[in-house]
C-alpha atoms as a PDB file:
ATOM      1  CA  UNK A   1       4.904  -0.586 -44.592  1.00  0.00           C
ATOM      2  CA  UNK A   2       4.189  -1.518 -48.199  1.00  0.00           C
ATOM      3  CA  UNK A   3       1.199  -3.705 -49.129  1.00  0.00           C
ATOM      4  CA  UNK A   4       2.823  -4.605 -52.437  1.00  0.00           C
ATOM      5  CA  UNK A   5       6.452  -5.505 -52.916  1.00  0.00           C
ATOM      6  CA  UNK A   6       8.362  -2.505 -54.237  1.00  0.00           C
ATOM      7  CA  UNK A   7      11.882  -2.379 -55.672  1.00  0.00           C
ATOM      8  CA  UNK A   8      13.529   1.047 -55.949  1.00  0.00           C
ATOM      9  CA  UNK A   9      16.753   1.762 -57.860  1.00  0.00           C
ATOM     10  CA  UNK A  10      19.642   3.928 -56.634  1.00  0.00           C
ATOM     11  CA  UNK A  11      22.986   5.061 -58.043  1.00  0.00           C
ATOM     12  CA  UNK A  12      25.216   4.122 -55.090  1.00  0.00           C
ATOM     13  CA  UNK A  13      25.381   1.868 -52.054  1.00  0.00           C
ATOM     14  CA  UNK A  14      24.668   4.710 -49.622  1.00  0.00           C
ATOM     15  CA  UNK A  15      21.084   4.973 -50.933  1.00  0.00           C
ATOM     16  CA  UNK A  16      21.044   8.645 -49.942  1.00  0.00           C
ATOM     17  CA  UNK A  17      19.469  10.209 -53.036  1.00  0.00           C
ATOM     18  CA  UNK A  18      15.807   9.734 -54.034  1.00  0.00           C
ATOM     19  CA  UNK A  19      15.345   6.593 -56.157  1.00  0.00           C
ATOM     20  CA  UNK A  20      15.710   7.154 -59.899  1.00  0.00           C
ATOM     21  CA  UNK A  21      13.390   4.270 -60.852  1.00  0.00           C
ATOM     22  CA  UNK A  22      11.025   1.890 -59.089  1.00  0.00           C
ATOM     23  CA  UNK A  23       8.763  -1.049 -59.816  1.00  0.00           C
ATOM     24  CA  UNK A  24       5.799  -2.387 -57.827  1.00  0.00           C
ATOM     25  CA  UNK A  25       4.576  -5.944 -58.335  1.00  0.00           C
ATOM     26  CA  UNK A  26       0.925  -6.708 -59.059  1.00  0.00           C
ATOM     27  CA  UNK A  27       1.094 -10.161 -57.440  1.00  0.00           C
ATOM     28  CA  UNK A  28       3.060 -10.394 -54.199  1.00  0.00           C
ATOM     29  CA  UNK A  29       5.382 -13.397 -53.823  1.00  0.00           C
ATOM     30  CA  UNK A  30       3.845 -16.383 -52.053  1.00  0.00           C
ATOM     31  CA  UNK A  31       7.068 -16.638 -50.027  1.00  0.00           C
ATOM     32  CA  UNK A  32      10.684 -15.544 -49.991  1.00  0.00           C
ATOM     33  CA  UNK A  33      13.951 -17.055 -48.791  1.00  0.00           C
ATOM     34  CA  UNK A  34      16.430 -15.043 -46.724  1.00  0.00           C
ATOM     35  CA  UNK A  35      19.748 -16.897 -46.629  1.00  0.00           C
ATOM     36  CA  UNK A  36      22.652 -16.364 -44.219  1.00  0.00           C
ATOM     37  CA  UNK A  37      25.943 -18.229 -44.542  1.00  0.00           C
ATOM     38  CA  UNK A  38      29.127 -18.722 -42.540  1.00  0.00           C
ATOM     39  CA  UNK A  39      32.246 -19.961 -44.349  1.00  0.00           C
ATOM     40  CA  UNK A  40      34.862 -22.159 -42.699  1.00  0.00           C
ATOM     41  CA  UNK A  41      38.103 -23.665 -43.949  1.00  0.00           C
ATOM     42  CA  UNK A  42      37.275 -27.370 -44.070  1.00  0.00           C
ATOM     43  CA  UNK A  43      40.401 -28.584 -45.887  1.00  0.00           C
ATOM     44  CA  UNK A  44      41.794 -31.715 -44.249  1.00  0.00           C
ATOM     45  CA  UNK A  45      45.550 -32.338 -44.633  1.00  0.00           C
ATOM     46  CA  UNK A  46      46.491 -35.608 -46.332  1.00  0.00           C
ATOM     47  CA  UNK A  47      46.650 -38.390 -43.773  1.00  0.00           C
ATOM     48  CA  UNK A  48      44.995 -36.355 -41.014  1.00  0.00           C
ATOM     49  CA  UNK A  49      41.875 -37.752 -39.293  1.00  0.00           C
ATOM     50  CA  UNK A  50      40.281 -34.309 -39.273  1.00  0.00           C
ATOM     51  CA  UNK A  51      40.923 -30.615 -38.819  1.00  0.00           C
ATOM     52  CA  UNK A  52      39.554 -27.903 -36.530  1.00  0.00           C
ATOM     53  CA  UNK A  53      37.077 -25.581 -38.213  1.00  0.00           C
ATOM     54  CA  UNK A  54      38.680 -22.221 -39.015  1.00  0.00           C
ATOM     55  CA  UNK A  55      36.379 -19.261 -39.559  1.00  0.00           C
ATOM     56  CA  UNK A  56      36.929 -17.646 -43.001  1.00  0.00           C
ATOM     57  CA  UNK A  57      34.185 -15.071 -43.222  1.00  0.00           C
ATOM     58  CA  UNK A  58      30.509 -14.369 -43.710  1.00  0.00           C
ATOM     59  CA  UNK A  59      29.388 -13.766 -47.301  1.00  0.00           C
ATOM     60  CA  UNK A  60      26.604 -11.247 -47.956  1.00  0.00           C
ATOM     61  CA  UNK A  61      23.041 -12.258 -47.162  1.00  0.00           C
ATOM     62  CA  UNK A  62      20.743 -13.128 -50.057  1.00  0.00           C
ATOM     63  CA  UNK A  63      17.009 -12.840 -50.700  1.00  0.00           C
ATOM     64  CA  UNK A  64      15.214 -14.874 -53.354  1.00  0.00           C
ATOM     65  CA  UNK A  65      11.599 -15.043 -54.502  1.00  0.00           C
ATOM     66  CA  UNK A  66       9.390 -15.485 -57.563  1.00  0.00           C
ATOM     67  CA  UNK A  67       7.515 -12.632 -59.235  1.00  0.00           C
ATOM     68  CA  UNK A  68       4.550 -13.363 -61.495  1.00  0.00           C
ATOM     69  CA  UNK A  69       3.644 -11.268 -64.530  1.00  0.00           C
ATOM     70  CA  UNK A  70       0.180 -11.487 -66.086  1.00  0.00           C
ATOM     71  CA  UNK A  71      -1.268  -9.932 -69.241  1.00  0.00           C
ATOM     72  CA  UNK A  72      -4.558 -11.844 -69.433  1.00  0.00           C
ATOM     73  CA  UNK A  73      -6.504  -9.121 -67.622  1.00  0.00           C
ATOM     74  CA  UNK A  74      -7.894 -11.772 -65.270  1.00  0.00           C
ATOM     75  CA  UNK A  75      -5.900 -10.515 -62.280  1.00  0.00           C
ATOM     76  CA  UNK A  76      -7.035  -7.200 -60.863  1.00  0.00           C
ATOM     77  CA  UNK A  77      -4.347  -4.531 -60.795  1.00  0.00           C
ATOM     78  CA  UNK A  78      -4.357  -1.204 -58.927  1.00  0.00           C
ATOM     79  CA  UNK A  79      -6.074   1.598 -60.849  1.00  0.00           C
ATOM     80  CA  UNK A  80      -2.907   3.691 -60.922  1.00  0.00           C
ATOM     81  CA  UNK A  81      -0.830   0.914 -62.498  1.00  0.00           C
ATOM     82  CA  UNK A  82      -2.984  -1.256 -64.799  1.00  0.00           C
ATOM     83  CA  UNK A  83      -0.007  -3.367 -65.882  1.00  0.00           C
ATOM     84  CA  UNK A  84      -2.257  -6.415 -66.292  1.00  0.00           C
ATOM     85  CA  UNK A  85      -3.124  -4.989 -69.724  1.00  0.00           C
ATOM     86  CA  UNK A  86       0.496  -4.384 -70.767  1.00  0.00           C
ATOM     87  CA  UNK A  87       2.142  -7.149 -72.874  1.00  0.00           C
ATOM     88  CA  UNK A  88       4.349  -9.524 -70.880  1.00  0.00           C
ATOM     89  CA  UNK A  89       7.457  -8.597 -72.859  1.00  0.00           C
ATOM     90  CA  UNK A  90       7.073  -4.927 -71.959  1.00  0.00           C
ATOM     91  CA  UNK A  91       6.347  -5.724 -68.286  1.00  0.00           C
ATOM     92  CA  UNK A  92       9.566  -7.730 -68.035  1.00  0.00           C
ATOM     93  CA  UNK A  93      11.547  -5.065 -69.910  1.00  0.00           C
ATOM     94  CA  UNK A  94      10.366  -2.440 -67.407  1.00  0.00           C
ATOM     95  CA  UNK A  95      11.306  -4.729 -64.510  1.00  0.00           C
ATOM     96  CA  UNK A  96      14.768  -5.355 -65.988  1.00  0.00           C
ATOM     97  CA  UNK A  97      15.298  -1.629 -66.507  1.00  0.00           C
ATOM     98  CA  UNK A  98      15.047  -1.148 -62.739  1.00  0.00           C
ATOM     99  CA  UNK A  99      16.833  -4.263 -61.514  1.00  0.00           C
ATOM    100  CA  UNK A 100      18.972  -5.809 -64.221  1.00  0.00           C
ATOM    101  CA  UNK A 101      20.182  -3.479 -66.949  1.00  0.00           C
ATOM    102  CA  UNK A 102      23.641  -1.917 -67.011  1.00  0.00           C
ATOM    103  CA  UNK A 103      23.517   1.691 -65.814  1.00  0.00           C
ATOM    104  CA  UNK A 104      25.979   3.749 -67.854  1.00  0.00           C
ATOM    105  CA  UNK A 105      26.114   6.496 -65.211  1.00  0.00           C
ATOM    106  CA  UNK A 106      27.634   4.167 -62.608  1.00  0.00           C
ATOM    107  CA  UNK A 107      29.059   1.511 -64.990  1.00  0.00           C
ATOM    108  CA  UNK A 108      27.161  -1.327 -63.315  1.00  0.00           C
ATOM    109  CA  UNK A 109      23.555  -2.375 -62.604  1.00  0.00           C
ATOM    110  CA  UNK A 110      21.544  -0.294 -60.128  1.00  0.00           C
ATOM    111  CA  UNK A 111      21.656  -0.617 -56.366  1.00  0.00           C
ATOM    112  CA  UNK A 112      18.234  -1.633 -55.064  1.00  0.00           C
ATOM    113  CA  UNK A 113      16.052  -1.444 -51.975  1.00  0.00           C
ATOM    114  CA  UNK A 114      13.321  -4.068 -51.659  1.00  0.00           C
ATOM    115  CA  UNK A 115      10.383  -2.971 -49.499  1.00  0.00           C
ATOM    116  CA  UNK A 116       7.535  -5.257 -48.524  1.00  0.00           C
ATOM    117  CA  UNK A 117       5.828  -5.267 -45.139  1.00  0.00           C
ATOM    118  CA  UNK A 118       8.622  -5.323 -42.554  1.00  0.00           C
ATOM    119  CA  UNK A 119      11.235  -6.351 -45.149  1.00  0.00           C
ATOM    120  CA  UNK A 120      13.762  -3.670 -46.124  1.00  0.00           C
ATOM    121  CA  UNK A 121      16.711  -5.135 -48.039  1.00  0.00           C
ATOM    122  CA  UNK A 122      19.518  -3.135 -49.671  1.00  0.00           C
ATOM    123  CA  UNK A 123      20.939  -5.179 -52.490  1.00  0.00           C
ATOM    124  CA  UNK A 124      21.727  -5.882 -56.125  1.00  0.00           C
ATOM    125  CA  UNK A 125      20.107  -8.390 -58.419  1.00  0.00           C
ATOM    126  CA  UNK A 126      22.403 -11.415 -58.728  1.00  0.00           C
ATOM    127  CA  UNK A 127      20.297 -13.686 -60.952  1.00  0.00           C
ATOM    128  CA  UNK A 128      17.094 -13.561 -62.974  1.00  0.00           C
ATOM    129  CA  UNK A 129      15.414 -16.519 -64.689  1.00  0.00           C
ATOM    130  CA  UNK A 130      12.149 -15.976 -66.581  1.00  0.00           C
ATOM    131  CA  UNK A 131       9.789 -18.871 -67.317  1.00  0.00           C
ATOM    132  CA  UNK A 132       6.879 -18.225 -69.706  1.00  0.00           C
ATOM    133  CA  UNK A 133       3.856 -20.279 -68.678  1.00  0.00           C
ATOM    134  CA  UNK A 134       0.808 -19.258 -70.770  1.00  0.00           C
ATOM    135  CA  UNK A 135       0.582 -18.224 -74.421  1.00  0.00           C
ATOM    136  CA  UNK A 136      -1.803 -16.956 -77.049  1.00  0.00           C
ATOM    137  CA  UNK A 137      -2.329 -19.177 -80.096  1.00  0.00           C
ATOM    138  CA  UNK A 138       0.265 -17.142 -81.977  1.00  0.00           C
ATOM    139  CA  UNK A 139       2.900 -17.850 -79.309  1.00  0.00           C
ATOM    140  CA  UNK A 140       2.833 -14.451 -77.607  1.00  0.00           C
ATOM    141  CA  UNK A 141       3.225 -15.022 -73.837  1.00  0.00           C
ATOM    142  CA  UNK A 142       0.414 -14.061 -71.482  1.00  0.00           C
ATOM    143  CA  UNK A 143       1.987 -15.091 -68.178  1.00  0.00           C
ATOM    144  CA  UNK A 144       5.516 -15.440 -66.864  1.00  0.00           C
ATOM    145  CA  UNK A 145       7.347 -16.270 -63.654  1.00  0.00           C
ATOM    146  CA  UNK A 146      10.591 -14.461 -62.847  1.00  0.00           C
ATOM    147  CA  UNK A 147      12.800 -16.245 -60.302  1.00  0.00           C
ATOM    148  CA  UNK A 148      14.966 -13.546 -58.727  1.00  0.00           C
ATOM    149  CA  UNK A 149      17.920 -13.618 -56.360  1.00  0.00           C
ATOM    150  CA  UNK A 150      19.341 -10.524 -54.691  1.00  0.00           C
ATOM    151  CA  UNK A 151      22.608 -10.110 -52.788  1.00  0.00           C
ATOM    152  CA  UNK A 152      23.066  -7.618 -49.960  1.00  0.00           C
ATOM    153  CA  UNK A 153      24.981  -4.507 -51.058  1.00  0.00           C
ATOM    154  CA  UNK A 154      25.944  -1.906 -48.458  1.00  0.00           C
ATOM    155  CA  UNK A 155      28.839   0.528 -48.087  1.00  0.00           C
ATOM    156  CA  UNK A 156      32.040  -0.181 -46.143  1.00  0.00           C
ATOM    157  CA  UNK A 157      31.055   2.080 -43.246  1.00  0.00           C
ATOM    158  CA  UNK A 158      27.799   0.195 -42.694  1.00  0.00           C
ATOM    159  CA  UNK A 159      29.582  -3.155 -42.928  1.00  0.00           C
ATOM    160  CA  UNK A 160      32.068  -2.062 -40.261  1.00  0.00           C
ATOM    161  CA  UNK A 161      29.261  -0.755 -38.047  1.00  0.00           C
ATOM    162  CA  UNK A 162      27.260  -3.989 -38.354  1.00  0.00           C
ATOM    163  CA  UNK A 163      30.296  -6.170 -37.693  1.00  0.00           C
ATOM    164  CA  UNK A 164      31.524  -4.110 -34.715  1.00  0.00           C
ATOM    165  CA  UNK A 165      34.832  -5.960 -34.903  1.00  0.00           C
ATOM    166  CA  UNK A 166      37.468  -5.296 -32.250  1.00  0.00           C
ATOM    167  CA  UNK A 167      40.374  -7.249 -33.722  1.00  0.00           C
ATOM    168  CA  UNK A 168      43.387  -5.134 -34.844  1.00  0.00           C
ATOM    169  CA  UNK A 169      43.793  -7.196 -38.034  1.00  0.00           C
ATOM    170  CA  UNK A 170      40.474  -5.894 -39.413  1.00  0.00           C
ATOM    171  CA  UNK A 171      39.501  -2.497 -40.827  1.00  0.00           C
ATOM    172  CA  UNK A 172      37.636  -0.301 -38.324  1.00  0.00           C
ATOM    173  CA  UNK A 173      35.467   2.763 -38.782  1.00  0.00           C
ATOM    174  CA  UNK A 174      35.319   4.988 -35.716  1.00  0.00           C
ATOM    175  CA  UNK A 175      33.854   8.371 -34.845  1.00  0.00           C
ATOM    176  CA  UNK A 176      36.117  10.911 -33.152  1.00  0.00           C
ATOM    177  CA  UNK A 177      34.937  11.915 -29.676  1.00  0.00           C
ATOM    178  CA  UNK A 178      35.869  14.933 -27.575  1.00  0.00           C
ATOM    179  CA  UNK A 179      39.354  14.470 -26.111  1.00  0.00           C
ATOM    180  CA  UNK A 180      40.432  11.809 -28.621  1.00  0.00           C
ATOM    181  CA  UNK A 181      43.937  11.893 -30.056  1.00  0.00           C
ATOM    182  CA  UNK A 182      45.323   9.679 -32.778  1.00  0.00           C
ATOM    183  CA  UNK A 183      47.826   7.936 -30.455  1.00  0.00           C
ATOM    184  CA  UNK A 184      45.042   7.262 -27.927  1.00  0.00           C
ATOM    185  CA  UNK A 185      42.802   5.795 -30.636  1.00  0.00           C
ATOM    186  CA  UNK A 186      45.626   3.599 -31.966  1.00  0.00           C
ATOM    187  CA  UNK A 187      46.386   2.380 -28.469  1.00  0.00           C
ATOM    188  CA  UNK A 188      42.697   1.567 -27.939  1.00  0.00           C
ATOM    189  CA  UNK A 189      42.332  -0.375 -31.198  1.00  0.00           C
ATOM    190  CA  UNK A 190      45.814  -1.762 -31.849  1.00  0.00           C
ATOM    191  CA  UNK A 191      47.209  -1.806 -28.321  1.00  0.00           C
ATOM    192  CA  UNK A 192      50.076   0.359 -29.581  1.00  0.00           C
ATOM    193  CA  UNK A 193      50.008   4.189 -30.006  1.00  0.00           C
ATOM    194  CA  UNK A 194      52.906   4.162 -32.483  1.00  0.00           C
ATOM    195  CA  UNK A 195      50.611   3.410 -35.445  1.00  0.00           C
ATOM    196  CA  UNK A 196      49.228   6.971 -35.446  1.00  0.00           C
ATOM    197  CA  UNK A 197      51.319   8.128 -38.436  1.00  0.00           C
ATOM    198  CA  UNK A 198      50.149   5.190 -40.549  1.00  0.00           C
ATOM    199  CA  UNK A 199      46.513   5.944 -39.666  1.00  0.00           C
ATOM    200  CA  UNK A 200      47.028   9.640 -40.485  1.00  0.00           C
ATOM    201  CA  UNK A 201      48.422   8.759 -43.926  1.00  0.00           C
ATOM    202  CA  UNK A 202      45.621   6.249 -44.553  1.00  0.00           C
ATOM    203  CA  UNK A 203      42.996   8.954 -43.913  1.00  0.00           C
ATOM    204  CA  UNK A 204      44.930  11.781 -45.634  1.00  0.00           C
ATOM    205  CA  UNK A 205      44.954  13.822 -42.432  1.00  0.00           C
ATOM    206  CA  UNK A 206      46.854  17.100 -42.785  1.00  0.00           C
ATOM    207  CA  UNK A 207      46.693  18.084 -39.112  1.00  0.00           C
ATOM    208  CA  UNK A 208      46.198  14.939 -37.060  1.00  0.00           C
ATOM    209  CA  UNK A 209      46.872  16.816 -33.802  1.00  0.00           C
ATOM    210  CA  UNK A 210      43.527  18.623 -34.097  1.00  0.00           C
ATOM    211  CA  UNK A 211      40.855  15.975 -34.511  1.00  0.00           C
ATOM    212  CA  UNK A 212      37.316  17.305 -34.920  1.00  0.00           C
ATOM    213  CA  UNK A 213      34.678  15.458 -32.839  1.00  0.00           C
ATOM    214  CA  UNK A 214      32.182  13.677 -35.079  1.00  0.00           C
ATOM    215  CA  UNK A 215      34.748  13.046 -37.820  1.00  0.00           C
ATOM    216  CA  UNK A 216      34.865   9.471 -39.133  1.00  0.00           C
ATOM    217  CA  UNK A 217      38.222   7.687 -39.384  1.00  0.00           C
ATOM    218  CA  UNK A 218      39.173   4.392 -40.971  1.00  0.00           C
ATOM    219  CA  UNK A 219      41.764   2.341 -39.115  1.00  0.00           C
ATOM    220  CA  UNK A 220      43.400  -0.140 -41.502  1.00  0.00           C
ATOM    221  CA  UNK A 221      44.371  -3.668 -40.469  1.00  0.00           C
ATOM    222  CA  UNK A 222      47.903  -4.049 -39.161  1.00  0.00           C
ATOM    223  CA  UNK A 223      50.251  -6.681 -40.495  1.00  0.00           C
END
């Protein structure tokens, strides 16, 4: 577990390679908010007294918290990262380089993992608002508060695994087991073995009659 909140940057949503950049806060957040939502269709037809709630989906989870930056030297920083003596502008620039800036290698901002205590959150920064709160006489800021929001960002395989959906009108990710055949899998998921050719095309299978155990297959939704 991490004593100080750490944010590490990655190039993709599989988070498999070592992080390319990271930042560690000097002052841990006083609190954070972890938000979960469920969306329903709440439209009521004209003239109707009401309507049954219809499930639409579950948007990604979000985490939000405030990070404080200080350049007064009054707050003790770890010996290995004496950022309390670095100007506020540079501290925020370094933070934005990890979390906010456009990464030309992937043509989007970095994927992130937030680590703090038991919190491990794979995400992207969705909003950043910086408030400067203390200044030198010449107007140079000495303290700032960054209000950050992060949205969960994981790959399709992980989403399918977490959802564990059984409905045939949703995309499924399955692992081939010994004895599996494509018609058997289609019958198990769709209730109809005749979809095996469509699944083979969807996964670019050359020889679908010889499925290798351990192979992952996507089963697309049926119309």
